[in-house]
PDB file of N, CA and C in Angstrom:
ATOM      1  N   MET A   1      94.178  98.677  71.707  1.00  0.00           N
ATOM      2  CA  MET A   1      93.557  99.160  72.966  1.00  0.00           C
ATOM      3  C   MET A   1      92.003  98.075  73.818  1.00  0.00           C
ATOM      4  N   LYS A   2      92.760  97.620  75.141  1.00  0.00           N
ATOM      5  CA  LYS A   2      91.850  96.777  75.550  1.00  0.00           C
ATOM      6  C   LYS A   2      90.481  98.012  76.378  1.00  0.00           C
ATOM      7  N   THR A   3      89.172  97.534  75.768  1.00  0.00           N
ATOM      8  CA  THR A   3      88.280  98.057  76.263  1.00  0.00           C
ATOM      9  C   THR A   3      86.978  97.436  76.925  1.00  0.00           C
ATOM     10  N   GLY A   4      87.577  95.842  77.712  1.00  0.00           N
ATOM     11  CA  GLY A   4      86.873  95.486  78.451  1.00  0.00           C
ATOM     12  C   GLY A   4      86.500  96.037  79.125  1.00  0.00           C
ATOM     13  N   SER A   5      85.501  94.988  79.633  1.00  0.00           N
ATOM     14  CA  SER A   5      85.716  95.764  81.848  1.00  0.00           C
ATOM     15  C   SER A   5      86.596  95.828  83.055  1.00  0.00           C
ATOM     16  N   GLN A   6      86.464  96.941  83.567  1.00  0.00           N
ATOM     17  CA  GLN A   6      88.015  97.002  84.668  1.00  0.00           C
ATOM     18  C   GLN A   6      87.602  95.658  85.568  1.00  0.00           C
ATOM     19  N   THR A   7      86.735  95.982  85.828  1.00  0.00           N
ATOM     20  CA  THR A   7      86.506  94.156  86.994  1.00  0.00           C
ATOM     21  C   THR A   7      87.054  93.324  87.147  1.00  0.00           C
ATOM     22  N   PRO A   8      88.030  92.980  88.438  1.00  0.00           N
ATOM     23  CA  PRO A   8      88.340  91.333  87.807  1.00  0.00           C
ATOM     24  C   PRO A   8      86.774  90.272  87.589  1.00  0.00           C
ATOM     25  N   LYS A   9      88.018  89.325  86.437  1.00  0.00           N
ATOM     26  CA  LYS A   9      86.600  88.102  86.235  1.00  0.00           C
ATOM     27  C   LYS A   9      85.733  87.722  87.817  1.00  0.00           C
ATOM     28  N   ARG A  10      87.270  86.881  88.198  1.00  0.00           N
ATOM     29  CA  ARG A  10      86.486  86.390  89.592  1.00  0.00           C
ATOM     30  C   ARG A  10      85.172  87.498  90.507  1.00  0.00           C
ATOM     31  N   LYS A  11      85.339  89.127  90.311  1.00  0.00           N
ATOM     32  CA  LYS A  11      84.076  89.393  90.747  1.00  0.00           C
ATOM     33  C   LYS A  11      83.428  89.764  89.932  1.00  0.00           C
ATOM     34  N   ARG A  12      82.855  89.144  89.016  1.00  0.00           N
ATOM     35  CA  ARG A  12      82.418  88.894  87.505  1.00  0.00           C
ATOM     36  C   ARG A  12      81.510  87.760  87.355  1.00  0.00           C
ATOM     37  N   LEU A  13      81.774  86.980  88.245  1.00  0.00           N
ATOM     38  CA  LEU A  13      81.511  84.898  88.240  1.00  0.00           C
ATOM     39  C   LEU A  13      79.961  84.703  88.078  1.00  0.00           C
ATOM     40  N   ILE A  14      79.166  84.220  88.552  1.00  0.00           N
ATOM     41  CA  ILE A  14      77.340  83.967  88.253  1.00  0.00           C
ATOM     42  C   ILE A  14      77.936  82.944  90.339  1.00  0.00           C
ATOM     43  N   ARG A  15      76.679  82.849  90.376  1.00  0.00           N
ATOM     44  CA  ARG A  15      77.029  81.887  91.302  1.00  0.00           C
ATOM     45  C   ARG A  15      77.410  79.986  91.132  1.00  0.00           C
ATOM     46  N   LYS A  16      77.075  79.593  90.447  1.00  0.00           N
ATOM     47  CA  LYS A  16      77.518  78.755  90.286  1.00  0.00           C
ATOM     48  C   LYS A  16      78.984  78.256  89.819  1.00  0.00           C
ATOM     49  N   THR A  17      79.377  78.641  89.001  1.00  0.00           N
ATOM     50  CA  THR A  17      80.632  78.702  88.859  1.00  0.00           C
ATOM     51  C   THR A  17      82.131  79.833  90.260  1.00  0.00           C
ATOM     52  N   ARG A  18      81.286  80.390  90.360  1.00  0.00           N
ATOM     53  CA  ARG A  18      82.054  81.126  91.691  1.00  0.00           C
ATOM     54  C   ARG A  18      82.093  79.406  92.226  1.00  0.00           C
ATOM     55  N   LEU A  19      81.383  79.213  92.500  1.00  0.00           N
ATOM     56  CA  LEU A  19      81.390  77.871  93.755  1.00  0.00           C
ATOM     57  C   LEU A  19      82.810  77.053  93.430  1.00  0.00           C
ATOM     58  N   GLN A  20      82.525  76.925  92.430  1.00  0.00           N
ATOM     59  CA  GLN A  20      83.511  76.100  91.751  1.00  0.00           C
ATOM     60  C   GLN A  20      84.778  76.374  92.024  1.00  0.00           C
ATOM     61  N   VAL A  21      84.683  77.521  91.163  1.00  0.00           N
ATOM     62  CA  VAL A  21      86.947  78.326  91.544  1.00  0.00           C
ATOM     63  C   VAL A  21      86.671  78.587  93.124  1.00  0.00           C
ATOM     64  N   ALA A  22      85.773  78.647  93.446  1.00  0.00           N
ATOM     65  CA  ALA A  22      86.277  78.386  95.377  1.00  0.00           C
ATOM     66  C   ALA A  22      86.263  77.271  96.207  1.00  0.00           C
ATOM     67  N   GLU A  23      85.458  76.190  95.384  1.00  0.00           N
ATOM     68  CA  GLU A  23      86.856  74.991  95.767  1.00  0.00           C
ATOM     69  C   GLU A  23      88.284  74.876  95.853  1.00  0.00           C
ATOM     70  N   SER A  24      89.196  75.414  95.123  1.00  0.00           N
ATOM     71  CA  SER A  24      90.596  75.694  94.924  1.00  0.00           C
ATOM     72  C   SER A  24      90.409  77.233  95.755  1.00  0.00           C
ATOM     73  N   TRP A  25      89.987  78.272  95.562  1.00  0.00           N
ATOM     74  CA  TRP A  25      90.225  79.146  96.246  1.00  0.00           C
ATOM     75  C   TRP A  25      90.495  78.799  98.431  1.00  0.00           C
ATOM     76  N   ILE A  26      89.588  78.378  98.712  1.00  0.00           N
ATOM     77  CA  ILE A  26      89.457  77.792  99.835  1.00  0.00           C
ATOM     78  C   ILE A  26      90.181  76.753 100.688  1.00  0.00           C
ATOM     79  N   LYS A  27      90.828  76.189  99.849  1.00  0.00           N
ATOM     80  CA  LYS A  27      93.212  75.044 100.012  1.00  0.00           C
ATOM     81  C   LYS A  27      93.677  76.379  99.687  1.00  0.00           C
ATOM     82  N   LYS A  28      93.890  77.071  99.056  1.00  0.00           N
ATOM     83  CA  LYS A  28      94.652  78.282  99.471  1.00  0.00           C
ATOM     84  C   LYS A  28      94.648  79.725 100.661  1.00  0.00           C
ATOM     85  N   TYR A  29      93.333  79.346 100.784  1.00  0.00           N
ATOM     86  CA  TYR A  29      92.984  81.025 101.997  1.00  0.00           C
ATOM     87  C   TYR A  29      93.585  80.152 103.093  1.00  0.00           C
ATOM     88  N   ASN A  30      94.467  80.983 103.486  1.00  0.00           N
ATOM     89  CA  ASN A  30      95.364  81.228 104.671  1.00  0.00           C
ATOM     90  C   ASN A  30      95.388  82.068 106.303  1.00  0.00           C
ATOM     91  N   GLY A  31      94.177  82.969 105.489  1.00  0.00           N
ATOM     92  CA  GLY A  31      93.665  83.916 106.338  1.00  0.00           C
ATOM     93  C   GLY A  31      92.915  82.828 108.311  1.00  0.00           C
ATOM     94  N   LYS A  32      92.291  84.092 108.694  1.00  0.00           N
ATOM     95  CA  LYS A  32      91.371  83.359 109.885  1.00  0.00           C
ATOM     96  C   LYS A  32      90.280  83.923 109.525  1.00  0.00           C
ATOM     97  N   LYS A  33      89.905  85.649 109.000  1.00  0.00           N
ATOM     98  CA  LYS A  33      88.426  85.716 108.916  1.00  0.00           C
ATOM     99  C   LYS A  33      88.078  85.540 106.911  1.00  0.00           C
ATOM    100  N   ILE A  34      87.642  83.792 107.254  1.00  0.00           N
ATOM    101  CA  ILE A  34      87.336  83.384 105.776  1.00  0.00           C
ATOM    102  C   ILE A  34      85.753  84.131 105.865  1.00  0.00           C
ATOM    103  N   ILE A  35      85.051  84.302 106.042  1.00  0.00           N
ATOM    104  CA  ILE A  35      84.267  85.001 105.387  1.00  0.00           C
ATOM    105  C   ILE A  35      83.998  86.981 104.686  1.00  0.00           C
ATOM    106  N   TYR A  36      84.926  87.054 104.928  1.00  0.00           N
ATOM    107  CA  TYR A  36      85.127  88.678 104.986  1.00  0.00           C
ATOM    108  C   TYR A  36      86.289  88.043 103.457  1.00  0.00           C
ATOM    109  N   GLY A  37      87.589  87.139 104.272  1.00  0.00           N
ATOM    110  CA  GLY A  37      88.342  87.384 102.293  1.00  0.00           C
ATOM    111  C   GLY A  37      87.339  86.386 100.996  1.00  0.00           C
ATOM    112  N   TYR A  38      86.208  85.471 101.816  1.00  0.00           N
ATOM    113  CA  TYR A  38      86.162  85.835 100.502  1.00  0.00           C
ATOM    114  C   TYR A  38      84.911  86.666 100.169  1.00  0.00           C
ATOM    115  N   SER A  39      83.843  87.185 100.556  1.00  0.00           N
ATOM    116  CA  SER A  39      83.269  88.210  99.938  1.00  0.00           C
ATOM    117  C   SER A  39      84.753  89.347  99.721  1.00  0.00           C
ATOM    118  N   LYS A  40      85.416  89.943  99.772  1.00  0.00           N
ATOM    119  CA  LYS A  40      86.453  90.880  99.660  1.00  0.00           C
ATOM    120  C   LYS A  40      86.516  90.042  98.206  1.00  0.00           C
ATOM    121  N   TRP A  41      87.130  88.928  98.366  1.00  0.00           N
ATOM    122  CA  TRP A  41      87.792  88.418  97.163  1.00  0.00           C
ATOM    123  C   TRP A  41      87.005  88.056  95.577  1.00  0.00           C
ATOM    124  N   PHE A  42      85.425  87.363  96.564  1.00  0.00           N
ATOM    125  CA  PHE A  42      84.623  87.298  94.890  1.00  0.00           C
ATOM    126  C   PHE A  42      83.862  87.955  95.038  1.00  0.00           C
ATOM    127  N   GLY A  43      83.614  89.506  95.629  1.00  0.00           N
ATOM    128  CA  GLY A  43      83.441  90.759  95.477  1.00  0.00           C
ATOM    129  C   GLY A  43      81.341  90.594  95.611  1.00  0.00           C
ATOM    130  N   VAL A  44      81.198  89.102  97.076  1.00  0.00           N
ATOM    131  CA  VAL A  44      79.857  89.464  97.150  1.00  0.00           C
ATOM    132  C   VAL A  44      79.614  89.879  98.939  1.00  0.00           C
ATOM    133  N   ASP A  45      78.826  90.943  99.327  1.00  0.00           N
ATOM    134  CA  ASP A  45      78.395  91.018 100.738  1.00  0.00           C
ATOM    135  C   ASP A  45      78.210  89.510 101.243  1.00  0.00           C
ATOM    136  N   LYS A  46      78.631  89.810 103.015  1.00  0.00           N
ATOM    137  CA  LYS A  46      78.836  89.257 104.121  1.00  0.00           C
ATOM    138  C   LYS A  46      78.065  88.433 104.281  1.00  0.00           C
ATOM    139  N   ILE A  47      76.441  88.180 104.046  1.00  0.00           N
ATOM    140  CA  ILE A  47      75.805  86.906 103.891  1.00  0.00           C
ATOM    141  C   ILE A  47      75.889  85.989 102.399  1.00  0.00           C
ATOM    142  N   CYS A  48      75.659  86.633 101.877  1.00  0.00           N
ATOM    143  CA  CYS A  48      76.030  85.632 100.388  1.00  0.00           C
ATOM    144  C   CYS A  48      77.536  84.918 101.172  1.00  0.00           C
ATOM    145  N   ALA A  49      78.876  85.360 101.088  1.00  0.00           N
ATOM    146  CA  ALA A  49      79.534  84.503 101.351  1.00  0.00           C
ATOM    147  C   ALA A  49      79.439  83.811 102.770  1.00  0.00           C
ATOM    148  N   ILE A  50      78.713  84.074 103.579  1.00  0.00           N
ATOM    149  CA  ILE A  50      78.601  82.828 103.810  1.00  0.00           C
ATOM    150  C   ILE A  50      77.372  81.664 103.904  1.00  0.00           C
ATOM    151  N   ASN A  51      76.658  81.811 103.588  1.00  0.00           N
ATOM    152  CA  ASN A  51      75.514  81.136 102.727  1.00  0.00           C
ATOM    153  C   ASN A  51      76.056  80.182 101.434  1.00  0.00           C
ATOM    154  N   GLU A  52      77.589  80.782 100.561  1.00  0.00           N
ATOM    155  CA  GLU A  52      78.308  80.250  99.484  1.00  0.00           C
ATOM    156  C   GLU A  52      78.667  79.148 100.891  1.00  0.00           C
ATOM    157  N   LEU A  53      79.458  79.748 101.552  1.00  0.00           N
ATOM    158  CA  LEU A  53      80.394  78.995 101.691  1.00  0.00           C
ATOM    159  C   LEU A  53      80.247  77.193 103.064  1.00  0.00           C
ATOM    160  N   ARG A  54      78.720  78.007 103.496  1.00  0.00           N
ATOM    161  CA  ARG A  54      78.076  76.974 104.156  1.00  0.00           C
ATOM    162  C   ARG A  54      77.781  75.405 102.334  1.00  0.00           C
ATOM    163  N   LEU A  55      77.553  76.171 101.690  1.00  0.00           N
ATOM    164  CA  LEU A  55      77.337  75.240 100.209  1.00  0.00           C
ATOM    165  C   LEU A  55      78.651  74.305 100.350  1.00  0.00           C
ATOM    166  N   LEU A  56      79.550  75.241 101.006  1.00  0.00           N
ATOM    167  CA  LEU A  56      81.026  74.683 100.507  1.00  0.00           C
ATOM    168  C   LEU A  56      81.636  73.776 101.083  1.00  0.00           C
ATOM    169  N   GLY A  57      80.506  73.278 102.320  1.00  0.00           N
ATOM    170  CA  GLY A  57      80.953  72.024 103.126  1.00  0.00           C
ATOM    171  C   GLY A  57      82.020  72.985 104.365  1.00  0.00           C
ATOM    172  N   ILE A  58      82.039  74.367 104.736  1.00  0.00           N
ATOM    173  CA  ILE A  58      82.604  75.159 106.236  1.00  0.00           C
ATOM    174  C   ILE A  58      81.541  75.599 106.348  1.00  0.00           C
ATOM    175  N   ILE A  59      81.868  74.610 108.042  1.00  0.00           N
ATOM    176  CA  ILE A  59      80.989  74.943 109.064  1.00  0.00           C
ATOM    177  C   ILE A  59      80.983  76.692 109.953  1.00  0.00           C
ATOM    178  N   ILE A  60      79.758  77.417 109.490  1.00  0.00           N
ATOM    179  CA  ILE A  60      79.674  78.430 110.106  1.00  0.00           C
ATOM    180  C   ILE A  60      78.920  78.604 111.169  1.00  0.00           C
ATOM    181  N   SER A  61      79.344  79.036 112.688  1.00  0.00           N
ATOM    182  CA  SER A  61      78.387  79.359 113.489  1.00  0.00           C
ATOM    183  C   SER A  61      76.687  80.149 113.590  1.00  0.00           C
ATOM    184  N   GLU A  62      75.598  79.454 113.648  1.00  0.00           N
ATOM    185  CA  GLU A  62      74.505  80.923 113.646  1.00  0.00           C
ATOM    186  C   GLU A  62      74.982  82.015 114.719  1.00  0.00           C
ATOM    187  N   ASP A  63      76.005  81.961 115.399  1.00  0.00           N
ATOM    188  CA  ASP A  63      76.074  82.420 115.881  1.00  0.00           C
ATOM    189  C   ASP A  63      77.065  84.129 115.541  1.00  0.00           C
ATOM    190  N   LEU A  64      77.636  83.461 114.970  1.00  0.00           N
ATOM    191  CA  LEU A  64      78.777  84.435 114.272  1.00  0.00           C
ATOM    192  C   LEU A  64      78.154  84.800 113.160  1.00  0.00           C
ATOM    193  N   GLU A  65      77.018  84.204 112.026  1.00  0.00           N
ATOM    194  CA  GLU A  65      76.118  85.001 111.149  1.00  0.00           C
ATOM    195  C   GLU A  65      75.348  85.647 112.128  1.00  0.00           C
ATOM    196  N   LYS A  66      74.866  85.800 112.606  1.00  0.00           N
ATOM    197  CA  LYS A  66      74.091  86.763 113.696  1.00  0.00           C
ATOM    198  C   LYS A  66      75.085  88.051 113.574  1.00  0.00           C
ATOM    199  N   GLN A  67      76.161  87.756 114.458  1.00  0.00           N
ATOM    200  CA  GLN A  67      76.987  89.013 114.924  1.00  0.00           C
ATOM    201  C   GLN A  67      77.134  89.864 113.430  1.00  0.00           C
ATOM    202  N   VAL A  68      77.400  88.954 111.707  1.00  0.00           N
ATOM    203  CA  VAL A  68      77.816  89.737 111.115  1.00  0.00           C
ATOM    204  C   VAL A  68      76.434  90.063 110.141  1.00  0.00           C
ATOM    205  N   ARG A  69      75.332  89.398 110.506  1.00  0.00           N
ATOM    206  CA  ARG A  69      73.315  90.406 110.401  1.00  0.00           C
ATOM    207  C   ARG A  69      73.660  92.088 111.539  1.00  0.00           C
ATOM    208  N   LYS A  70      74.008  91.905 112.585  1.00  0.00           N
ATOM    209  CA  LYS A  70      73.092  92.661 113.192  1.00  0.00           C
ATOM    210  C   LYS A  70      74.298  93.822 113.549  1.00  0.00           C
ATOM    211  N   SER A  71      75.920  93.410 112.386  1.00  0.00           N
ATOM    212  CA  SER A  71      76.843  94.672 112.182  1.00  0.00           C
ATOM    213  C   SER A  71      76.521  95.226 111.381  1.00  0.00           C
ATOM    214  N   LEU A  72      76.155  94.073 110.146  1.00  0.00           N
ATOM    215  CA  LEU A  72      75.471  94.587 108.520  1.00  0.00           C
ATOM    216  C   LEU A  72      73.733  96.003 108.931  1.00  0.00           C
ATOM    217  N   GLN A  73      73.408  95.673 110.195  1.00  0.00           N
ATOM    218  CA  GLN A  73      71.838  96.546 110.154  1.00  0.00           C
ATOM    219  C   GLN A  73      72.650  98.050 110.689  1.00  0.00           C
ATOM    220  N   ASN A  74      73.466  97.922 112.255  1.00  0.00           N
ATOM    221  CA  ASN A  74      74.244  99.396 112.378  1.00  0.00           C
ATOM    222  C   ASN A  74      74.978  99.711 111.177  1.00  0.00           C
ATOM    223  N   LYS A  75      75.000  99.215 110.056  1.00  0.00           N
ATOM    224  CA  LYS A  75      76.289 100.079 109.703  1.00  0.00           C
ATOM    225  C   LYS A  75      74.939 100.553 109.051  1.00  0.00           C
ATOM    226  N   ASN A  76      74.194 100.330 108.237  1.00  0.00           N
ATOM    227  CA  ASN A  76      72.896 100.546 107.264  1.00  0.00           C
ATOM    228  C   ASN A  76      71.823 101.814 108.005  1.00  0.00           C
ATOM    229  N   LYS A  77      72.052 101.623 109.727  1.00  0.00           N
ATOM    230  CA  LYS A  77      71.250 102.879 109.943  1.00  0.00           C
ATOM    231  C   LYS A  77      72.021 103.897 110.100  1.00  0.00           C
ATOM    232  N   LEU A  78      73.801 103.635 110.205  1.00  0.00           N
ATOM    233  CA  LEU A  78      74.102 104.783 110.342  1.00  0.00           C
ATOM    234  C   LEU A  78      74.137 105.111 108.759  1.00  0.00           C
ATOM    235  N   LYS A  79      74.550 104.496 108.639  1.00  0.00           N
ATOM    236  CA  LYS A  79      74.270 105.746 106.526  1.00  0.00           C
ATOM    237  C   LYS A  79      72.862 106.695 106.764  1.00  0.00           C
ATOM    238  N   THR A  80      71.725 105.979 106.426  1.00  0.00           N
ATOM    239  CA  THR A  80      70.299 106.227 106.742  1.00  0.00           C
ATOM    240  C   THR A  80      69.824 107.170 107.776  1.00  0.00           C
ATOM    241  N   LYS A  81      70.718 107.483 108.620  1.00  0.00           N
ATOM    242  CA  LYS A  81      70.149 108.145 110.144  1.00  0.00           C
ATOM    243  C   LYS A  81      69.970 109.797 109.133  1.00  0.00           C
ATOM    244  N   GLU A  82      68.673 109.995 109.654  1.00  0.00           N
ATOM    245  CA  GLU A  82      68.085 111.272 109.709  1.00  0.00           C
ATOM    246  C   GLU A  82      68.958 112.272 109.775  1.00  0.00           C
ATOM    247  N   PRO A  83      68.842 113.642 109.749  1.00  0.00           N
ATOM    248  CA  PRO A  83      69.195 114.629 110.899  1.00  0.00           C
ATOM    249  C   PRO A  83      68.513 115.228 111.365  1.00  0.00           C
ATOM    250  N   THR A  84      68.716 115.730 112.817  1.00  0.00           N
ATOM    251  CA  THR A  84      68.285 115.253 114.144  1.00  0.00           C
ATOM    252  C   THR A  84      68.022 117.385 114.278  1.00  0.00           C
ATOM    253  N   ILE A  85      66.942 117.550 114.540  1.00  0.00           N
ATOM    254  CA  ILE A  85      66.705 119.031 114.215  1.00  0.00           C
ATOM    255  C   ILE A  85      67.481 119.125 115.605  1.00  0.00           C
ATOM    256  N   ASN A  86      68.258 120.523 114.819  1.00  0.00           N
ATOM    257  CA  ASN A  86      68.749 120.435 116.233  1.00  0.00           C
ATOM    258  C   ASN A  86      68.638 122.568 117.350  1.00  0.00           C
ATOM    259  N   ASN A  87      68.392 121.832 118.669  1.00  0.00           N
ATOM    260  CA  ASN A  87      67.764 122.796 119.605  1.00  0.00           C
ATOM    261  C   ASN A  87      68.641 123.143 120.237  1.00  0.00           C
ATOM    262  N   ASP A  88      69.452 124.152 120.293  1.00  0.00           N
ATOM    263  CA  ASP A  88      70.829 124.461 120.400  1.00  0.00           C
ATOM    264  C   ASP A  88      70.717 125.991 121.216  1.00  0.00           C
ATOM    265  N   GLY A  89      69.420 126.098 121.064  1.00  0.00           N
ATOM    266  CA  GLY A  89      68.632 127.759 121.558  1.00  0.00           C
ATOM    267  C   GLY A  89      68.758 128.508 120.162  1.00  0.00           C
ATOM    268  N   ASP A  90      68.768 128.098 119.835  1.00  0.00           N
ATOM    269  CA  ASP A  90      69.123 129.411 118.201  1.00  0.00           C
ATOM    270  C   ASP A  90      67.494 129.504 117.801  1.00  0.00           C
ATOM    271  N   GLU A  91      67.513 130.767 118.196  1.00  0.00           N
ATOM    272  CA  GLU A  91      65.972 130.621 117.237  1.00  0.00           C
ATOM    273  C   GLU A  91      65.293 131.246 116.232  1.00  0.00           C
ATOM    274  N   ASN A  92      66.353 131.301 115.666  1.00  0.00           N
ATOM    275  CA  ASN A  92      66.487 131.087 114.223  1.00  0.00           C
ATOM    276  C   ASN A  92      66.431 130.124 113.448  1.00  0.00           C
ATOM    277  N   PHE A  93      66.973 128.804 113.519  1.00  0.00           N
ATOM    278  CA  PHE A  93      66.964 127.993 112.620  1.00  0.00           C
ATOM    279  C   PHE A  93      66.493 126.852 113.002  1.00  0.00           C
ATOM    280  N   ALA A  94      65.694 125.545 112.602  1.00  0.00           N
ATOM    281  CA  ALA A  94      65.418 124.619 113.058  1.00  0.00           C
ATOM    282  C   ALA A  94      66.464 123.694 112.839  1.00  0.00           C
ATOM    283  N   PHE A  95      66.932 123.523 112.088  1.00  0.00           N
ATOM    284  CA  PHE A  95      68.159 122.719 111.955  1.00  0.00           C
ATOM    285  C   PHE A  95      69.448 123.547 111.418  1.00  0.00           C
ATOM    286  N   ILE A  96      70.280 123.322 111.994  1.00  0.00           N
ATOM    287  CA  ILE A  96      71.792 123.852 111.237  1.00  0.00           C
ATOM    288  C   ILE A  96      72.843 123.021 111.269  1.00  0.00           C
ATOM    289  N   ALA A  97      72.636 123.520 109.767  1.00  0.00           N
ATOM    290  CA  ALA A  97      73.303 122.450 108.828  1.00  0.00           C
ATOM    291  C   ALA A  97      75.564 122.905 108.992  1.00  0.00           C
ATOM    292  N   GLY A  98      75.481 124.176 109.948  1.00  0.00           N
ATOM    293  CA  GLY A  98      76.671 123.666 109.872  1.00  0.00           C
ATOM    294  C   GLY A  98      77.918 125.535 109.751  1.00  0.00           C
ATOM    295  N   TYR A  99      78.401 125.478 110.306  1.00  0.00           N
ATOM    296  CA  TYR A  99      78.839 127.301 110.441  1.00  0.00           C
ATOM    297  C   TYR A  99      80.322 127.489 108.925  1.00  0.00           C
ATOM    298  N   THR A 100      79.424 128.910 108.368  1.00  0.00           N
ATOM    299  CA  THR A 100      80.540 130.013 107.696  1.00  0.00           C
ATOM    300  C   THR A 100      82.432 129.759 108.384  1.00  0.00           C
ATOM    301  N   PRO A 101      82.902 130.153 107.732  1.00  0.00           N
ATOM    302  CA  PRO A 101      84.568 130.810 108.349  1.00  0.00           C
ATOM    303  C   PRO A 101      84.658 131.335 109.217  1.00  0.00           C
ATOM    304  N   GLY A 102      83.255 132.534 109.538  1.00  0.00           N
ATOM    305  CA  GLY A 102      83.006 133.445 109.993  1.00  0.00           C
ATOM    306  C   GLY A 102      82.353 133.352 111.270  1.00  0.00           C
ATOM    307  N   GLY A 103      82.043 131.525 111.742  1.00  0.00           N
ATOM    308  CA  GLY A 103      81.091 131.341 112.644  1.00  0.00           C
ATOM    309  C   GLY A 103      80.117 131.952 112.819  1.00  0.00           C
ATOM    310  N   MET A 104      79.125 132.203 111.564  1.00  0.00           N
ATOM    311  CA  MET A 104      78.008 132.171 111.486  1.00  0.00           C
ATOM    312  C   MET A 104      77.380 130.943 110.989  1.00  0.00           C
ATOM    313  N   PRO A 105      75.689 130.825 111.555  1.00  0.00           N
ATOM    314  CA  PRO A 105      75.589 129.617 111.157  1.00  0.00           C
ATOM    315  C   PRO A 105      75.035 129.147 109.944  1.00  0.00           C
ATOM    316  N   TYR A 106      74.317 128.060 109.481  1.00  0.00           N
ATOM    317  CA  TYR A 106      73.655 128.213 108.155  1.00  0.00           C
ATOM    318  C   TYR A 106      73.061 127.332 108.232  1.00  0.00           C
ATOM    319  N   GLY A 107      71.441 126.840 107.479  1.00  0.00           N
ATOM    320  CA  GLY A 107      70.658 125.512 107.858  1.00  0.00           C
ATOM    321  C   GLY A 107      69.845 125.924 107.464  1.00  0.00           C
ATOM    322  N   ILE A 108      68.382 125.826 107.908  1.00  0.00           N
ATOM    323  CA  ILE A 108      66.866 125.664 107.599  1.00  0.00           C
ATOM    324  C   ILE A 108      66.351 126.679 108.777  1.00  0.00           C
ATOM    325  N   THR A 109      65.572 127.345 108.149  1.00  0.00           N
ATOM    326  CA  THR A 109      65.047 128.307 109.030  1.00  0.00           C
ATOM    327  C   THR A 109      63.926 128.029 109.925  1.00  0.00           C
ATOM    328  N   ARG A 110      63.044 128.375 110.901  1.00  0.00           N
ATOM    329  CA  ARG A 110      61.935 128.266 111.490  1.00  0.00           C
ATOM    330  C   ARG A 110      60.927 128.636 110.234  1.00  0.00           C
ATOM    331  N   GLU A 111      60.928 130.035 109.454  1.00  0.00           N
ATOM    332  CA  GLU A 111      60.170 130.324 108.875  1.00  0.00           C
ATOM    333  C   GLU A 111      59.861 129.717 107.962  1.00  0.00           C
ATOM    334  N   ASP A 112      61.622 129.201 106.966  1.00  0.00           N
ATOM    335  CA  ASP A 112      61.119 128.154 105.794  1.00  0.00           C
ATOM    336  C   ASP A 112      60.392 127.593 106.511  1.00  0.00           C
ATOM    337  N   ILE A 113      60.616 126.575 106.984  1.00  0.00           N
ATOM    338  CA  ILE A 113      59.912 125.016 107.476  1.00  0.00           C
ATOM    339  C   ILE A 113      58.365 125.449 107.895  1.00  0.00           C
ATOM    340  N   GLU A 114      58.137 126.965 108.202  1.00  0.00           N
ATOM    341  CA  GLU A 114      56.523 127.346 108.489  1.00  0.00           C
ATOM    342  C   GLU A 114      55.779 127.589 107.309  1.00  0.00           C
ATOM    343  N   LYS A 115      56.619 127.968 106.219  1.00  0.00           N
ATOM    344  CA  LYS A 115      56.325 128.117 104.745  1.00  0.00           C
ATOM    345  C   LYS A 115      56.401 126.928 103.979  1.00  0.00           C
ATOM    346  N   GLU A 116      56.661 126.153 104.346  1.00  0.00           N
ATOM    347  CA  GLU A 116      56.334 124.547 103.695  1.00  0.00           C
ATOM    348  C   GLU A 116      55.271 124.313 104.357  1.00  0.00           C
ATOM    349  N   THR A 117      54.991 124.092 106.284  1.00  0.00           N
ATOM    350  CA  THR A 117      53.089 123.178 106.146  1.00  0.00           C
ATOM    351  C   THR A 117      52.487 124.410 105.849  1.00  0.00           C
ATOM    352  N   GLU A 118      52.642 125.308 105.636  1.00  0.00           N
ATOM    353  CA  GLU A 118      50.822 125.911 105.277  1.00  0.00           C
ATOM    354  C   GLU A 118      50.622 125.690 103.409  1.00  0.00           C
ATOM    355  N   ILE A 119      51.825 125.436 102.514  1.00  0.00           N
ATOM    356  CA  ILE A 119      51.237 124.788 102.063  1.00  0.00           C
ATOM    357  C   ILE A 119      50.584 123.703 101.016  1.00  0.00           C
TER     358      ILE A 119
END
């Protein structure tokens, strides 16, 4: 039985080796989105892909890099977005997390928040 890693070897390469392998990969690549393809094939993020493609002589505009960085920042903002207090007129709940199948709200009550701030 094989007990090694399930991750493909190309995704476990260090930068030095990856750059050597990438030279032949670029020659074979026939897609239009080389940054996306590189990051997906070698298992690196898009910023790393941009840096390594530049090291390999691929011309990537500053505008495209800014666009990729902005896209990643927006994605991170969506992931780390804090829940907002729901002010829908309910005097019992400070935050309504959801509703039961019967339609009753559940979440954090204003009373719970007051108790926490007193401590």
